Protein backbone atom coordinates (compact mmCIF):
# COMPACT_ATOMS: atom_id res chain seq x y z
CA MET A 1 98.43 86.86 102.36
CA ALA A 2 97.99 90.60 101.76
CA ARG A 3 98.44 91.95 98.27
CA PRO A 4 101.32 94.37 97.76
CA ALA A 5 100.36 98.05 97.61
CA LEU A 6 102.47 98.58 94.48
CA VAL A 7 102.82 96.18 91.55
CA ARG A 8 104.52 96.43 88.18
CA VAL A 9 102.59 95.60 85.02
CA GLY A 10 104.90 96.03 82.08
CA ASN A 11 106.29 99.55 82.34
CA LEU A 12 103.51 100.71 84.67
CA ARG A 13 103.64 100.92 88.45
CA LEU A 14 100.12 100.40 89.76
CA MET A 15 98.78 100.83 93.28
CA ALA A 16 96.14 98.58 94.79
CA ILE A 17 92.76 100.31 95.22
CA PRO A 18 92.81 100.40 99.06
CA ALA A 19 96.33 101.86 99.07
CA THR A 20 95.25 104.47 96.55
CA LEU A 21 92.09 105.46 98.40
CA VAL A 22 93.86 106.14 101.69
CA ARG A 23 96.29 108.48 99.93
CA LEU A 24 93.64 110.64 98.25
CA SER A 25 92.81 114.06 99.61
CA PRO A 26 89.28 114.89 100.80
CA THR A 27 88.89 117.15 97.75
CA VAL A 28 88.85 114.11 95.46
CA PHE A 29 85.84 112.71 97.28
CA GLU A 30 84.09 116.07 97.64
CA LYS A 31 84.28 116.69 93.88
CA SER A 32 83.29 113.13 92.96
CA PRO A 33 80.14 112.85 90.83
CA ALA A 34 78.78 110.33 93.37
CA VAL A 35 78.71 112.92 96.18
CA GLY A 36 75.13 113.85 96.91
CA ARG A 37 73.80 110.77 95.09
CA ASP A 38 71.79 109.20 97.88
CA ASP A 39 70.43 106.54 95.52
CA VAL A 40 73.95 105.28 94.81
CA ALA A 41 74.89 105.34 98.49
CA ASP A 42 71.72 103.46 99.44
CA GLN A 43 72.38 100.78 96.81
CA ILE A 44 75.95 100.29 98.03
CA THR A 45 74.70 100.07 101.62
CA ARG A 46 72.04 97.48 100.74
CA THR A 47 74.54 95.40 98.77
CA MET A 48 77.10 95.42 101.58
CA ARG A 49 74.46 94.45 104.16
CA MET A 50 73.29 91.60 101.93
CA ALA A 51 76.90 90.42 101.83
CA GLY A 52 76.95 90.31 105.63
CA TYR A 53 78.76 93.55 106.41
CA VAL A 54 77.67 95.89 109.20
CA VAL A 55 77.31 99.30 107.60
CA SER A 56 76.75 102.71 109.15
CA LYS A 57 76.66 105.96 107.20
CA THR A 58 78.96 108.72 108.41
CA ASN A 59 80.43 111.84 106.87
CA PRO A 60 84.22 111.45 107.08
CA PHE A 61 84.64 115.18 106.43
CA ALA A 62 82.32 116.42 109.19
CA ASN A 63 85.12 116.76 111.77
CA THR A 64 88.13 117.72 109.71
CA PRO A 65 91.22 118.09 111.92
CA VAL A 66 92.93 121.44 111.66
CA HIS A 67 96.49 120.94 110.47
CA SER A 68 98.73 121.82 107.60
CA ALA A 69 101.04 119.45 105.80
CA HIS A 70 103.25 122.46 105.08
CA ALA A 71 103.49 123.81 108.61
CA ARG A 72 106.97 124.08 110.02
CA VAL A 73 107.82 123.12 113.56
CA ALA A 74 110.31 125.50 115.15
């Protein structure tokens, strides 16, 4: 069964990591200290392959669609 995206822990409302990641803007990832750290990326790739995952490296920001969240449709 899938975990809920939002859970309450005491007075805190917490989001699951996957739900949080898909809501982040590209700027968060571009400014991350891990960006440009090929050694970290290679280690993650090796670990995932050892765990049986098929991994291919791509730049998710290479083909950024042109749109505006604030654009109005007439």
